[in-house]
Amino acid sequence: MLTGYMLGIASFVDQVESLDAAVRFDAGGLAADLSVRFVEGAGVAKFLAAQAPGAATTPMPAGQPLISSVTLHLDPKERTALLVGATQFFLEKAPRPEPLPETTQVQVADAMRLFAESLGPDMTFLSAPAARGQGLATDVTILGLKDADQFRKGLALLVASWEALADQLNLYLKFETAPDPQEVAGVPVIVYTPRLRFGIPARHLEFRERLQMLYGPEGLVYRVAVVGDKAVIGAGSDLALLTATIERLKAGQAPRHRLLSRPSRATCRESRTSPSR
């Protein structure tokens, strides 16, 4: 996983012509300015230039137990090109003890393309404080879909091809798919559990404990459901946010979460979050 991060950074740096940063300190705090110039024809530059102007965070309703709510509108064609390009860069540059079979490279790249092309332009990210005993946070991602069946197929192929890639490259991250779907708010939900491997057992235990502290007894678990033309991905042990989101989408309503009830612990956390975010 660290290798993947480093390769991603390397791919970004390769497309940067210049980067200027300035940091200012005063009695009120810290301010930073960042200016990046990309090389001509850079994939990141094309992606950013194609995005709709004014894409901003979704207004967070006052008094609601959300930590954050962000909506992005992305150009599907440029996003697909960026995801596929990053995947191909990883497949070509990742260190390996022996050459990666061409069939694996093709399977991973094709699965990523199929998955990316199933997505619509809109993505919403929600985060809320978890109920007591269920960790610190629960997250939900809502993806607009162009083709729900293609999304299901693309996701399944992406997970399967990643398993083959992880075995051949001895990667630290795999995904375990639950044999039977669960059900949340009357909708089938596929459960994916990341399996992280560390060379030092003590580190593995420490990381697992940290995930349980953040996401509850289950640790980091992803639940994926499809509701009409939306994919809903929940992370964490607390299913309240995921359930409320699915129910509102089933009812044809935007996921405002006004009916989401939380104990007083959540109310205390709300006061630390600006409603205008």
Foldseek 3Di string as FASTA:
>chain_A
DVLLVVLVVVLVVVFWPDKDKDWDQDPVGIDMDIDTDTDPPRLVVVFVVPFDPPQWFDQADPLDQWQGKHKGFGDLVSVLVVQLVSLLSCLVPRDAPDRDDPVLSVLQSVLSNLQSNQFHGMKMKIKGAFAPQFAGIKIKMKTFTPDPVSNVVSVVSNLVSVVVVCVRRVDQKHKDWDPAFDAALRFTKIKIDIHGDDPDVVVVVVVQVVQCNHANPVGWMWIWTDQPRMIMIMTGDGCQLVNQCNVQVNVVHHSNCPVRDHPVVSSVVSVVHDSRD
